[in-house]
Amino acid sequence: MNYRNYTLLALFFMAGQAFGQEMRLNLYSAYVFDDAIDSYYDANDYYAGTIEGGFQWGGGLEFMAQPGSGVELLYIRQGTNAPLTYYQNGVKFTNFDLGVNYVMIGGNRYFKKPGGMVEGFGGGMIGMGIFGLENPDNGNHGSRTKFAWGFKAGANIWATEKVGIKLQAQLLSAVQSVGGGFYFGTGGAGAGVSSFSSMYQFSLGGGLVFKFGEGA
């Protein structure tokens, strides 16, 4: 994360402390499944391939605005590959290096029986996806920032009053995240692909959750 994201986290933390509310630190790890992408403009302008699955990690700071409801600022990261077949003066193939970053803000709703250890939750989020793509054949690289959204659902299993184990399923999507501007070419400055494809990343995983602040 850059300094702006650290500043947002600091302000988020101070706001929670100022209002004397419960805060939560959420740590995430998950496996992301493969996502097929393709776009066909014409016979001389297309690409098709896969954003490969792999390990995804991140963290979030959550302010419990009221019992059972939280507002979370989170960061999610994945380093992966994108093997693509595309057309540029003939059909070509490149296994691109891809960095996927999400900075999101979302709302979570919690459900727990009085005295129970298991707390179910569900939530939605919006923000931005930041993508860096590098062509290993020639070293060309580029980055783009796109609107992103997502949903998640799962459960926190509280081992103690302040420490829990998180299990969740999550869907993250970035609109028109792959396409022109990444320059999928293999020679010179490359040639831009003028059409786009949205991506949908589904993951299963877990993590840890910590309560702190008043009311924790």
C-alpha atoms as a PDB file:
ATOM      1  CA  MET A   1       0.000   0.000   0.000  1.00  0.00           C
ATOM      2  CA  ASN A   2       1.164   3.533  -0.652  1.00  0.00           C
ATOM      3  CA  TYR A   3       1.238   6.359   1.901  1.00  0.00           C
ATOM      4  CA  ARG A   4      -2.336   7.417   1.073  1.00  0.00           C
ATOM      5  CA  ASN A   5      -3.658   4.019   2.093  1.00  0.00           C
ATOM      6  CA  TYR A   6      -1.671   4.072   5.349  1.00  0.00           C
ATOM      7  CA  THR A   7      -3.082   7.548   6.053  1.00  0.00           C
ATOM      8  CA  LEU A   8      -6.635   6.288   5.503  1.00  0.00           C
ATOM      9  CA  LEU A   9      -6.016   3.383   7.879  1.00  0.00           C
ATOM     10  CA  ALA A  10      -4.655   5.753  10.534  1.00  0.00           C
ATOM     11  CA  LEU A  11      -7.658   8.076  10.211  1.00  0.00           C
ATOM     12  CA  PHE A  12     -10.009   5.103  10.327  1.00  0.00           C
ATOM     13  CA  PHE A  13      -8.362   3.874  13.535  1.00  0.00           C
ATOM     14  CA  MET A  14      -8.438   7.300  15.188  1.00  0.00           C
ATOM     15  CA  ALA A  15     -12.101   7.769  14.282  1.00  0.00           C
ATOM     16  CA  GLY A  16     -13.010   4.506  16.011  1.00  0.00           C
ATOM     17  CA  GLN A  17     -11.020   5.419  19.104  1.00  0.00           C
ATOM     18  CA  ALA A  18     -12.510   8.898  19.216  1.00  0.00           C
ATOM     19  CA  PHE A  19     -16.052   7.528  19.273  1.00  0.00           C
ATOM     20  CA  GLY A  20     -15.086   4.828  21.792  1.00  0.00           C
ATOM     21  CA  GLN A  21     -16.355   1.987  19.636  1.00  0.00           C
ATOM     22  CA  GLU A  22     -15.208  -1.558  19.061  1.00  0.00           C
ATOM     23  CA  MET A  23     -12.644  -2.004  16.297  1.00  0.00           C
ATOM     24  CA  ARG A  24     -11.594  -5.180  14.520  1.00  0.00           C
ATOM     25  CA  LEU A  25      -8.429  -6.133  12.705  1.00  0.00           C
ATOM     26  CA  ASN A  26      -9.145  -8.714   9.991  1.00  0.00           C
ATOM     27  CA  LEU A  27      -6.303 -10.714   8.415  1.00  0.00           C
ATOM     28  CA  TYR A  28      -7.106 -12.604   5.221  1.00  0.00           C
ATOM     29  CA  SER A  29      -5.600 -15.503   3.269  1.00  0.00           C
ATOM     30  CA  ALA A  30      -7.326 -17.448   0.531  1.00  0.00           C
ATOM     31  CA  TYR A  31      -6.996 -19.492  -2.634  1.00  0.00           C
ATOM     32  CA  VAL A  32      -8.274 -17.736  -5.763  1.00  0.00           C
ATOM     33  CA  PHE A  33      -9.582 -19.905  -8.582  1.00  0.00           C
ATOM     34  CA  ASP A  34      -8.680 -19.485 -12.267  1.00  0.00           C
ATOM     35  CA  ASP A  35     -10.678 -16.925 -14.225  1.00  0.00           C
ATOM     36  CA  ALA A  36     -11.047 -17.246 -17.998  1.00  0.00           C
ATOM     37  CA  ILE A  37     -10.934 -13.944 -19.917  1.00  0.00           C
ATOM     38  CA  ASP A  38     -11.465 -13.247 -23.589  1.00  0.00           C
ATOM     39  CA  SER A  39     -12.377 -10.441 -25.937  1.00  0.00           C
ATOM     40  CA  TYR A  40     -12.977 -10.557 -29.699  1.00  0.00           C
ATOM     41  CA  TYR A  41     -13.175  -7.344 -31.698  1.00  0.00           C
ATOM     42  CA  ASP A  42     -12.347  -8.793 -35.099  1.00  0.00           C
ATOM     43  CA  ALA A  43     -10.001 -11.353 -36.661  1.00  0.00           C
ATOM     44  CA  ASN A  44      -7.049  -9.003 -36.162  1.00  0.00           C
ATOM     45  CA  ASP A  45      -7.916  -7.775 -32.662  1.00  0.00           C
ATOM     46  CA  TYR A  46      -8.618 -10.367 -29.996  1.00  0.00           C
ATOM     47  CA  TYR A  47      -7.184 -12.178 -27.009  1.00  0.00           C
ATOM     48  CA  ALA A  48      -8.145 -15.169 -24.882  1.00  0.00           C
ATOM     49  CA  GLY A  49      -6.579 -16.754 -21.865  1.00  0.00           C
ATOM     50  CA  THR A  50      -6.682 -17.163 -18.111  1.00  0.00           C
ATOM     51  CA  ILE A  51      -5.868 -15.212 -14.995  1.00  0.00           C
ATOM     52  CA  GLU A  52      -4.358 -18.045 -13.000  1.00  0.00           C
ATOM     53  CA  GLY A  53      -5.457 -18.840  -9.493  1.00  0.00           C
ATOM     54  CA  GLY A  54      -3.195 -18.803  -6.479  1.00  0.00           C
ATOM     55  CA  PHE A  55      -2.586 -17.361  -3.035  1.00  0.00           C
ATOM     56  CA  GLN A  56      -4.309 -14.135  -2.056  1.00  0.00           C
ATOM     57  CA  TRP A  57      -3.656 -12.207   1.147  1.00  0.00           C
ATOM     58  CA  GLY A  58      -4.628  -8.972   2.791  1.00  0.00           C
ATOM     59  CA  GLY A  59      -5.947  -7.157   5.813  1.00  0.00           C
ATOM     60  CA  GLY A  60      -8.713  -4.841   6.896  1.00  0.00           C
ATOM     61  CA  LEU A  61      -9.502  -2.429   9.709  1.00  0.00           C
ATOM     62  CA  GLU A  62     -13.162  -2.472  10.696  1.00  0.00           C
ATOM     63  CA  PHE A  63     -15.113   0.063  12.731  1.00  0.00           C
ATOM     64  CA  MET A  64     -18.197  -1.413  14.431  1.00  0.00           C
ATOM     65  CA  ALA A  65     -20.604   1.466  13.891  1.00  0.00           C
ATOM     66  CA  GLN A  66     -23.299  -0.364  15.885  1.00  0.00           C
ATOM     67  CA  PRO A  67     -23.775  -3.863  17.312  1.00  0.00           C
ATOM     68  CA  GLY A  68     -23.922  -6.314  14.434  1.00  0.00           C
ATOM     69  CA  SER A  69     -22.778  -3.842  11.757  1.00  0.00           C
ATOM     70  CA  GLY A  70     -19.278  -2.834  10.668  1.00  0.00           C
ATOM     71  CA  VAL A  71     -17.599  -0.573   8.124  1.00  0.00           C
ATOM     72  CA  GLU A  72     -14.275  -1.911   6.829  1.00  0.00           C
ATOM     73  CA  LEU A  73     -11.335  -0.489   4.897  1.00  0.00           C
ATOM     74  CA  LEU A  74      -9.316  -3.337   3.388  1.00  0.00           C
ATOM     75  CA  TYR A  75      -6.435  -4.179   1.072  1.00  0.00           C
ATOM     76  CA  ILE A  76      -6.171  -7.451  -0.914  1.00  0.00           C
ATOM     77  CA  ARG A  77      -3.140  -8.592  -2.974  1.00  0.00           C
ATOM     78  CA  GLN A  78      -2.358 -11.421  -5.405  1.00  0.00           C
ATOM     79  CA  GLY A  79       0.686 -12.043  -7.573  1.00  0.00           C
ATOM     80  CA  THR A  80      -0.076 -14.359 -10.487  1.00  0.00           C
ATOM     81  CA  ASN A  81       0.312 -15.056 -14.216  1.00  0.00           C
ATOM     82  CA  ALA A  82      -1.941 -14.450 -17.198  1.00  0.00           C
ATOM     83  CA  PRO A  83      -1.179 -16.804 -20.127  1.00  0.00           C
ATOM     84  CA  LEU A  84      -2.831 -15.209 -23.176  1.00  0.00           C
ATOM     85  CA  THR A  85      -3.151 -15.973 -26.851  1.00  0.00           C
ATOM     86  CA  TYR A  86      -3.609 -12.805 -28.888  1.00  0.00           C
ATOM     87  CA  TYR A  87      -3.195 -11.388 -32.373  1.00  0.00           C
ATOM     88  CA  GLN A  88      -0.396  -8.976 -33.249  1.00  0.00           C
ATOM     89  CA  ASN A  89       0.896  -9.390 -36.796  1.00  0.00           C
ATOM     90  CA  GLY A  90       0.004 -13.023 -36.399  1.00  0.00           C
ATOM     91  CA  VAL A  91      -1.188 -15.190 -33.549  1.00  0.00           C
ATOM     92  CA  LYS A  92       1.084 -14.975 -30.492  1.00  0.00           C
ATOM     93  CA  PHE A  93       1.235 -16.377 -26.975  1.00  0.00           C
ATOM     94  CA  THR A  94       2.737 -14.804 -23.836  1.00  0.00           C
ATOM     95  CA  ASN A  95       2.582 -15.789 -20.176  1.00  0.00           C
ATOM     96  CA  PHE A  96       2.315 -12.329 -18.595  1.00  0.00           C
ATOM     97  CA  ASP A  97       3.242 -11.487 -14.994  1.00  0.00           C
ATOM     98  CA  LEU A  98       0.259  -9.903 -13.275  1.00  0.00           C
ATOM     99  CA  GLY A  99      -0.063  -8.106  -9.943  1.00  0.00           C
ATOM    100  CA  VAL A 100      -3.634  -7.716  -8.651  1.00  0.00           C
ATOM    101  CA  ASN A 101      -4.355  -5.218  -5.849  1.00  0.00           C
ATOM    102  CA  TYR A 102      -7.681  -4.141  -4.390  1.00  0.00           C
ATOM    103  CA  VAL A 103      -8.316  -1.183  -2.083  1.00  0.00           C
ATOM    104  CA  MET A 104     -11.920  -1.409  -0.931  1.00  0.00           C
ATOM    105  CA  ILE A 105     -14.406  -0.048   1.580  1.00  0.00           C
ATOM    106  CA  GLY A 106     -17.371  -2.143   2.559  1.00  0.00           C
ATOM    107  CA  GLY A 107     -20.125  -2.880   5.017  1.00  0.00           C
ATOM    108  CA  ASN A 108     -20.505  -6.123   6.972  1.00  0.00           C
ATOM    109  CA  ARG A 109     -23.522  -7.496   8.796  1.00  0.00           C
ATOM    110  CA  TYR A 110     -23.040 -10.014  11.637  1.00  0.00           C
ATOM    111  CA  PHE A 111     -25.393 -12.659  13.060  1.00  0.00           C
ATOM    112  CA  LYS A 112     -24.699 -14.413  16.357  1.00  0.00           C
ATOM    113  CA  LYS A 113     -26.775 -16.238  18.949  1.00  0.00           C
ATOM    114  CA  PRO A 114     -26.342 -14.876  22.496  1.00  0.00           C
ATOM    115  CA  GLY A 115     -23.504 -16.748  24.160  1.00  0.00           C
ATOM    116  CA  GLY A 116     -22.540 -18.548  20.958  1.00  0.00           C
ATOM    117  CA  MET A 117     -18.993 -18.945  19.631  1.00  0.00           C
ATOM    118  CA  VAL A 118     -19.914 -18.812  15.928  1.00  0.00           C
ATOM    119  CA  GLU A 119     -20.721 -15.475  14.292  1.00  0.00           C
ATOM    120  CA  GLY A 120     -22.006 -15.533  10.715  1.00  0.00           C
ATOM    121  CA  PHE A 121     -21.495 -12.561   8.418  1.00  0.00           C
ATOM    122  CA  GLY A 122     -22.095 -11.224   4.947  1.00  0.00           C
ATOM    123  CA  GLY A 123     -21.127  -8.007   3.232  1.00  0.00           C
ATOM    124  CA  GLY A 124     -20.475  -6.021   0.101  1.00  0.00           C
ATOM    125  CA  MET A 125     -17.684  -3.663  -0.935  1.00  0.00           C
ATOM    126  CA  ILE A 126     -16.675  -1.189  -3.604  1.00  0.00           C
ATOM    127  CA  GLY A 127     -13.370   0.464  -4.444  1.00  0.00           C
ATOM    128  CA  MET A 128     -10.578   0.189  -6.939  1.00  0.00           C
ATOM    129  CA  GLY A 129      -8.526  -2.556  -8.513  1.00  0.00           C
ATOM    130  CA  ILE A 130      -4.915  -1.684  -9.314  1.00  0.00           C
ATOM    131  CA  PHE A 131      -3.320  -3.983 -11.893  1.00  0.00           C
ATOM    132  CA  GLY A 132       0.276  -4.203 -13.021  1.00  0.00           C
ATOM    133  CA  LEU A 133       1.119  -6.317 -16.073  1.00  0.00           C
ATOM    134  CA  GLU A 134       4.595  -7.146 -17.377  1.00  0.00           C
ATOM    135  CA  ASN A 135       5.590  -8.891 -20.587  1.00  0.00           C
ATOM    136  CA  PRO A 136       8.540 -11.165 -19.656  1.00  0.00           C
ATOM    137  CA  ASP A 137       9.516 -11.506 -23.339  1.00  0.00           C
ATOM    138  CA  ASN A 138      10.546  -7.872 -23.691  1.00  0.00           C
ATOM    139  CA  GLY A 139      10.215  -6.237 -20.263  1.00  0.00           C
ATOM    140  CA  ASN A 140       7.324  -3.984 -21.303  1.00  0.00           C
ATOM    141  CA  HIS A 141       4.984  -3.208 -18.448  1.00  0.00           C
ATOM    142  CA  GLY A 142       1.994  -1.067 -17.602  1.00  0.00           C
ATOM    143  CA  SER A 143      -0.522  -0.463 -14.841  1.00  0.00           C
ATOM    144  CA  ARG A 144      -4.175   0.496 -14.708  1.00  0.00           C
ATOM    145  CA  THR A 145      -6.694   1.393 -11.996  1.00  0.00           C
ATOM    146  CA  LYS A 146     -10.289   0.276 -12.460  1.00  0.00           C
ATOM    147  CA  PHE A 147     -13.553   0.355 -10.524  1.00  0.00           C
ATOM    148  CA  ALA A 148     -14.005  -2.819  -8.469  1.00  0.00           C
ATOM    149  CA  TRP A 149     -16.757  -4.400  -6.391  1.00  0.00           C
ATOM    150  CA  GLY A 150     -17.200  -7.531  -4.342  1.00  0.00           C
ATOM    151  CA  PHE A 151     -19.208  -9.680  -1.946  1.00  0.00           C
ATOM    152  CA  LYS A 152     -18.238 -12.026   0.868  1.00  0.00           C
ATOM    153  CA  ALA A 153     -19.891 -14.364   3.347  1.00  0.00           C
ATOM    154  CA  GLY A 154     -18.673 -16.675   6.058  1.00  0.00           C
ATOM    155  CA  ALA A 155     -18.248 -17.103   9.779  1.00  0.00           C
ATOM    156  CA  ASN A 156     -15.998 -16.047  12.644  1.00  0.00           C
ATOM    157  CA  ILE A 157     -15.326 -18.737  15.235  1.00  0.00           C
ATOM    158  CA  TRP A 158     -14.324 -16.986  18.453  1.00  0.00           C
ATOM    159  CA  ALA A 159     -11.620 -18.924  20.320  1.00  0.00           C
ATOM    160  CA  THR A 160     -11.600 -16.222  23.018  1.00  0.00           C
ATOM    161  CA  GLU A 161     -13.570 -13.032  23.561  1.00  0.00           C
ATOM    162  CA  LYS A 162     -11.102 -11.064  21.409  1.00  0.00           C
ATOM    163  CA  VAL A 163      -9.495 -13.553  19.001  1.00  0.00           C
ATOM    164  CA  GLY A 164     -11.316 -15.501  16.320  1.00  0.00           C
ATOM    165  CA  ILE A 165     -10.734 -17.707  13.290  1.00  0.00           C
ATOM    166  CA  LYS A 166     -12.309 -16.469  10.049  1.00  0.00           C
ATOM    167  CA  LEU A 167     -13.728 -18.707   7.304  1.00  0.00           C
ATOM    168  CA  GLN A 168     -15.144 -17.084   4.185  1.00  0.00           C
ATOM    169  CA  ALA A 169     -16.010 -17.200   0.500  1.00  0.00           C
ATOM    170  CA  GLN A 170     -15.431 -14.060  -1.571  1.00  0.00           C
ATOM    171  CA  LEU A 171     -16.063 -12.712  -5.050  1.00  0.00           C
ATOM    172  CA  LEU A 172     -14.091  -9.732  -6.372  1.00  0.00           C
ATOM    173  CA  SER A 173     -14.571  -8.195  -9.802  1.00  0.00           C
ATOM    174  CA  ALA A 174     -12.931  -5.362 -11.708  1.00  0.00           C
ATOM    175  CA  VAL A 175     -14.688  -3.824 -14.694  1.00  0.00           C
ATOM    176  CA  GLN A 176     -12.628  -3.772 -17.905  1.00  0.00           C
ATOM    177  CA  SER A 177      -9.470  -4.656 -16.011  1.00  0.00           C
ATOM    178  CA  VAL A 178      -7.660  -6.325 -18.912  1.00  0.00           C
ATOM    179  CA  GLY A 179      -7.281  -4.747 -22.317  1.00  0.00           C
ATOM    180  CA  GLY A 180      -5.861  -1.766 -24.176  1.00  0.00           C
ATOM    181  CA  GLY A 181      -3.107   0.091 -22.405  1.00  0.00           C
ATOM    182  CA  PHE A 182      -1.399  -3.021 -21.066  1.00  0.00           C
ATOM    183  CA  TYR A 183       0.275  -3.459 -24.461  1.00  0.00           C
ATOM    184  CA  PHE A 184       0.266  -7.175 -25.010  1.00  0.00           C
ATOM    185  CA  GLY A 185       2.911  -6.936 -27.735  1.00  0.00           C
ATOM    186  CA  THR A 186       6.152  -8.909 -27.758  1.00  0.00           C
ATOM    187  CA  GLY A 187       8.343  -6.476 -29.687  1.00  0.00           C
ATOM    188  CA  GLY A 188       9.150  -2.759 -29.660  1.00  0.00           C
ATOM    189  CA  ALA A 189       6.650  -0.625 -27.811  1.00  0.00           C
ATOM    190  CA  GLY A 190       3.994  -3.226 -28.394  1.00  0.00           C
ATOM    191  CA  ALA A 191       0.515  -2.889 -29.841  1.00  0.00           C
ATOM    192  CA  GLY A 192      -2.475  -2.175 -27.638  1.00  0.00           C
ATOM    193  CA  VAL A 193      -5.435  -4.499 -27.516  1.00  0.00           C
ATOM    194  CA  SER A 194      -8.424  -2.253 -28.031  1.00  0.00           C
ATOM    195  CA  SER A 195     -11.116  -4.441 -26.509  1.00  0.00           C
ATOM    196  CA  PHE A 196     -11.667  -5.289 -22.846  1.00  0.00           C
ATOM    197  CA  SER A 197     -12.704  -8.046 -20.496  1.00  0.00           C
ATOM    198  CA  SER A 198     -14.005  -7.891 -16.949  1.00  0.00           C
ATOM    199  CA  MET A 199     -12.548 -10.303 -14.411  1.00  0.00           C
ATOM    200  CA  TYR A 200     -14.295 -12.278 -11.676  1.00  0.00           C
ATOM    201  CA  GLN A 201     -12.130 -13.751  -8.924  1.00  0.00           C
ATOM    202  CA  PHE A 202     -13.774 -16.266  -6.605  1.00  0.00           C
ATOM    203  CA  SER A 203     -11.836 -17.357  -3.530  1.00  0.00           C
ATOM    204  CA  LEU A 204     -12.174 -19.616  -0.511  1.00  0.00           C
ATOM    205  CA  GLY A 205     -10.099 -19.048   2.567  1.00  0.00           C
ATOM    206  CA  GLY A 206      -9.872 -17.779   6.076  1.00  0.00           C
ATOM    207  CA  GLY A 207      -7.791 -15.789   8.469  1.00  0.00           C
ATOM    208  CA  LEU A 208      -7.844 -14.234  11.904  1.00  0.00           C
ATOM    209  CA  VAL A 209      -9.918 -11.501  13.505  1.00  0.00           C
ATOM    210  CA  PHE A 210      -8.973  -9.452  16.580  1.00  0.00           C
ATOM    211  CA  LYS A 211     -11.250  -7.196  18.648  1.00  0.00           C
ATOM    212  CA  PHE A 212      -9.958  -4.111  20.414  1.00  0.00           C
ATOM    213  CA  GLY A 213     -11.197  -0.764  21.672  1.00  0.00           C
ATOM    214  CA  GLU A 214     -14.153  -0.049  23.951  1.00  0.00           C
ATOM    215  CA  GLY A 215     -16.944  -2.575  23.698  1.00  0.00           C
ATOM    216  CA  ALA A 216     -14.576  -5.354  22.544  1.00  0.00           C
END
